[in-house]
N, C-alpha and C. Protein backbone atom coordinates (compact mmCIF):
# COMPACT_ATOMS: atom_id res chain seq x y z
N MET A 1 -14.25 4.00 -1.99
CA MET A 1 -13.28 3.27 -2.44
C MET A 1 -13.80 1.74 -2.54
N LYS A 2 -13.69 1.43 -3.80
CA LYS A 2 -14.11 -0.12 -4.01
C LYS A 2 -12.98 -1.09 -3.50
N SER A 3 -13.36 -2.26 -2.76
CA SER A 3 -12.39 -3.25 -2.66
C SER A 3 -12.48 -4.21 -3.67
N SER A 4 -11.29 -5.03 -3.92
CA SER A 4 -11.45 -5.89 -4.81
C SER A 4 -10.46 -7.30 -4.10
N VAL A 5 -10.51 -8.37 -4.87
CA VAL A 5 -9.86 -9.55 -4.31
C VAL A 5 -8.24 -9.20 -4.10
N ALA A 6 -7.72 -8.29 -4.84
CA ALA A 6 -6.35 -8.08 -4.86
C ALA A 6 -6.14 -7.16 -3.85
N ASP A 7 -7.06 -6.51 -3.20
CA ASP A 7 -6.79 -5.64 -1.99
C ASP A 7 -6.80 -6.30 -0.74
N LYS A 8 -7.27 -7.80 -0.83
CA LYS A 8 -7.50 -8.49 0.76
C LYS A 8 -5.93 -8.79 1.05
N PRO A 9 -5.90 -8.80 2.44
CA PRO A 9 -4.57 -9.33 3.14
C PRO A 9 -4.27 -10.76 2.68
N ALA A 10 -3.01 -11.01 2.03
CA ALA A 10 -2.70 -12.50 1.79
C ALA A 10 -2.34 -13.12 2.86
N ARG A 11 -1.51 -12.80 3.88
CA ARG A 11 -1.29 -13.46 5.09
C ARG A 11 -0.54 -12.50 6.13
N GLY A 12 -0.23 -12.86 7.21
CA GLY A 12 0.67 -12.39 8.17
C GLY A 12 -0.04 -10.99 8.95
N THR A 13 -0.77 -10.26 8.21
CA THR A 13 -1.29 -9.07 8.93
C THR A 13 -2.70 -8.75 8.59
N PRO A 14 -3.58 -8.18 9.49
CA PRO A 14 -4.88 -7.86 9.29
C PRO A 14 -5.04 -6.62 8.35
N ILE A 15 -3.99 -5.93 7.99
CA ILE A 15 -4.18 -4.66 7.31
C ILE A 15 -4.11 -5.10 5.66
N SER A 16 -5.20 -4.65 5.06
CA SER A 16 -5.18 -4.68 3.70
C SER A 16 -4.84 -3.47 3.08
N ASN A 17 -4.62 -3.37 1.64
CA ASN A 17 -4.10 -2.22 1.10
C ASN A 17 -4.39 -2.17 -0.41
N GLY A 18 -4.74 -1.27 -0.82
CA GLY A 18 -4.70 -1.06 -2.18
C GLY A 18 -3.84 -0.27 -3.19
N ILE A 19 -2.49 -0.52 -2.65
CA ILE A 19 -1.28 0.01 -3.28
C ILE A 19 -1.09 -0.36 -4.71
N ARG A 20 -1.14 -1.60 -5.00
CA ARG A 20 -1.10 -2.03 -6.37
C ARG A 20 -1.90 -1.22 -7.30
N ARG A 21 -3.23 -1.13 -6.93
CA ARG A 21 -4.25 -0.52 -7.79
C ARG A 21 -3.98 0.86 -7.83
N LEU A 22 -3.63 1.46 -6.69
CA LEU A 22 -3.30 2.89 -6.96
C LEU A 22 -2.03 3.33 -7.78
N ARG A 23 -1.15 2.36 -7.69
CA ARG A 23 -0.01 2.39 -8.48
C ARG A 23 -0.28 2.58 -9.91
N PHE A 24 -1.17 1.63 -10.39
CA PHE A 24 -1.72 1.52 -11.90
C PHE A 24 -2.68 2.91 -12.09
N GLU A 25 -3.45 3.22 -11.00
CA GLU A 25 -4.39 4.37 -11.41
C GLU A 25 -3.40 5.81 -11.53
N HIS A 26 -2.29 5.67 -11.05
CA HIS A 26 -1.35 6.84 -11.06
C HIS A 26 -0.31 6.73 -12.21
N GLY A 27 -0.82 6.39 -13.43
CA GLY A 27 0.36 6.18 -14.51
C GLY A 27 1.21 4.96 -14.41
N GLU A 28 0.68 4.01 -14.02
CA GLU A 28 1.27 2.72 -13.91
C GLU A 28 2.84 2.82 -13.28
N MET A 29 2.84 3.56 -12.28
CA MET A 29 3.80 3.84 -11.17
C MET A 29 4.46 2.55 -10.92
N THR A 30 5.77 2.51 -10.99
CA THR A 30 6.59 1.04 -10.55
C THR A 30 6.68 1.12 -9.12
N GLN A 31 7.01 -0.15 -8.75
CA GLN A 31 7.20 -0.48 -7.30
C GLN A 31 8.46 0.36 -6.94
N GLN A 32 9.57 0.41 -7.92
CA GLN A 32 10.87 1.19 -7.36
C GLN A 32 10.41 2.62 -7.43
N ALA A 33 9.65 3.15 -8.24
CA ALA A 33 9.35 4.66 -8.21
C ALA A 33 8.58 4.92 -6.65
N LEU A 34 7.60 4.08 -6.45
CA LEU A 34 6.90 4.29 -4.97
C LEU A 34 7.87 4.46 -3.96
N ALA A 35 8.89 3.13 -3.90
CA ALA A 35 9.75 3.00 -3.07
C ALA A 35 10.83 4.35 -2.93
N ARG A 36 11.27 4.81 -3.82
CA ARG A 36 11.99 6.03 -3.95
C ARG A 36 11.27 7.29 -3.32
N ASP A 37 10.14 7.24 -3.71
CA ASP A 37 9.13 8.48 -3.30
C ASP A 37 8.95 8.42 -1.90
N CYS A 38 8.91 7.06 -1.40
CA CYS A 38 8.50 7.11 0.18
C CYS A 38 9.75 6.70 1.01
N GLY A 39 10.96 6.63 0.49
CA GLY A 39 12.24 6.41 1.17
C GLY A 39 12.39 5.05 1.56
N VAL A 40 11.87 4.03 1.05
CA VAL A 40 11.94 2.72 1.41
C VAL A 40 12.77 1.86 0.35
N THR A 41 12.67 0.51 0.63
CA THR A 41 13.34 -0.23 -0.58
C THR A 41 12.22 -0.81 -1.29
N ARG A 42 12.44 -1.40 -2.67
CA ARG A 42 11.51 -1.84 -3.48
C ARG A 42 10.82 -3.08 -2.71
N GLN A 43 11.65 -3.84 -1.93
CA GLN A 43 11.20 -4.89 -1.43
C GLN A 43 10.39 -4.69 -0.23
N THR A 44 10.28 -3.63 0.24
CA THR A 44 9.15 -2.87 1.40
C THR A 44 7.96 -2.97 0.49
N ILE A 45 7.99 -2.45 -0.53
CA ILE A 45 6.79 -2.11 -1.31
C ILE A 45 6.14 -3.69 -1.70
N ILE A 46 7.00 -4.58 -2.38
CA ILE A 46 6.58 -5.83 -2.56
C ILE A 46 5.96 -6.60 -1.20
N ALA A 47 6.48 -6.41 -0.12
CA ALA A 47 5.97 -7.04 0.91
C ALA A 47 4.47 -6.42 1.41
N LEU A 48 4.36 -5.11 1.36
CA LEU A 48 3.26 -4.39 1.51
C LEU A 48 2.34 -4.84 0.60
N GLU A 49 2.42 -5.11 -0.74
CA GLU A 49 1.48 -5.34 -1.57
C GLU A 49 1.00 -6.61 -1.29
N ALA A 50 1.93 -7.53 -1.06
CA ALA A 50 1.52 -8.92 -0.81
C ALA A 50 0.87 -9.20 0.53
N GLY A 51 0.86 -8.16 1.37
CA GLY A 51 0.09 -8.45 2.65
C GLY A 51 0.98 -8.92 3.71
N ARG A 52 2.16 -9.13 3.61
CA ARG A 52 3.11 -9.92 4.55
C ARG A 52 3.75 -8.78 5.53
N TYR A 53 3.38 -7.57 5.26
CA TYR A 53 3.95 -6.57 6.02
C TYR A 53 3.04 -5.48 6.35
N ALA A 54 2.98 -5.10 7.71
CA ALA A 54 2.11 -3.75 8.12
C ALA A 54 3.06 -2.66 7.98
N PRO A 55 2.77 -1.58 7.35
CA PRO A 55 3.53 -0.28 7.53
C PRO A 55 3.48 0.40 8.88
N SER A 56 4.71 1.15 9.12
CA SER A 56 4.55 2.10 10.39
C SER A 56 3.61 3.10 9.92
N LEU A 57 3.08 3.89 10.93
CA LEU A 57 2.35 4.91 10.65
C LEU A 57 2.81 5.87 9.82
N GLU A 58 4.20 6.26 10.02
CA GLU A 58 4.94 7.02 9.16
C GLU A 58 4.77 6.81 7.93
N LEU A 59 5.46 5.52 7.60
CA LEU A 59 5.14 5.08 6.09
C LEU A 59 3.83 5.01 5.35
N ALA A 60 2.81 4.75 6.30
CA ALA A 60 1.35 4.87 5.74
C ALA A 60 0.98 6.15 5.17
N PHE A 61 1.44 7.12 6.00
CA PHE A 61 1.28 8.50 5.59
C PHE A 61 2.10 9.02 4.48
N ARG A 62 3.20 8.45 4.38
CA ARG A 62 4.16 8.68 3.17
C ARG A 62 3.73 8.28 1.95
N ILE A 63 2.90 7.11 1.89
CA ILE A 63 2.56 6.46 0.68
C ILE A 63 1.24 7.15 0.36
N ALA A 64 0.36 7.55 1.35
CA ALA A 64 -0.91 8.11 0.96
C ALA A 64 -0.61 9.42 0.28
N ARG A 65 0.37 10.23 0.83
CA ARG A 65 0.81 11.62 0.37
C ARG A 65 1.42 11.33 -1.11
N VAL A 66 2.26 10.43 -1.41
CA VAL A 66 2.50 10.06 -2.83
C VAL A 66 1.32 10.27 -3.80
N PHE A 67 0.15 9.32 -3.26
CA PHE A 67 -0.95 9.20 -4.12
C PHE A 67 -2.05 10.31 -3.92
N GLY A 68 -1.54 11.27 -2.96
CA GLY A 68 -2.42 12.41 -2.86
C GLY A 68 -3.98 11.86 -2.19
N VAL A 69 -3.90 10.89 -1.47
CA VAL A 69 -5.24 10.47 -0.92
C VAL A 69 -4.87 10.37 0.69
N GLY A 70 -6.07 10.07 1.38
CA GLY A 70 -6.10 9.67 2.83
C GLY A 70 -5.54 8.46 3.05
N VAL A 71 -4.81 8.21 4.39
CA VAL A 71 -4.40 6.85 4.70
C VAL A 71 -5.35 5.75 4.71
N GLU A 72 -6.65 6.05 5.08
CA GLU A 72 -7.87 5.07 4.89
C GLU A 72 -8.28 4.74 3.48
N ASP A 73 -7.87 5.72 2.49
CA ASP A 73 -7.99 5.32 1.00
C ASP A 73 -7.04 4.29 0.65
N VAL A 74 -5.92 4.23 1.38
CA VAL A 74 -4.91 3.10 0.91
C VAL A 74 -5.03 2.00 1.74
N PHE A 75 -5.19 2.06 3.01
CA PHE A 75 -5.09 1.05 4.01
C PHE A 75 -6.45 0.90 4.73
N ARG A 76 -6.83 -0.68 4.87
CA ARG A 76 -7.85 -0.95 5.62
C ARG A 76 -7.71 -2.11 6.61
N TRP A 77 -8.12 -1.86 8.11
CA TRP A 77 -8.14 -2.82 9.15
C TRP A 77 -9.28 -4.01 8.76
N GLU A 78 -8.59 -5.16 8.64
CA GLU A 78 -9.54 -6.38 8.24
C GLU A 78 -9.61 -7.10 9.60
N GLY A 79 -9.00 -6.69 10.70
CA GLY A 79 -8.90 -7.56 11.84
C GLY A 79 -10.28 -7.63 12.79
N SER A 80 -10.30 -8.19 13.70
CA SER A 80 -11.47 -8.11 14.56
C SER A 80 -11.33 -7.71 15.82
């Protein structure tokens, strides 16, 4: 999986993610649709994409399952 500037964590958490990219690769899925499929609010998806929130392990697995990929294909540890 290629990393891009948009995948880098904005602030607050050393975990980066490719959620926005994956949403667009999967038919331009909306934040609301992803939130519904994962059982969270749209605000949670917004915070995740912005790098302001690190998901629980359960939510990380839910997101990965929606996209049909592994957790490490969605999230990356950028900490030291």
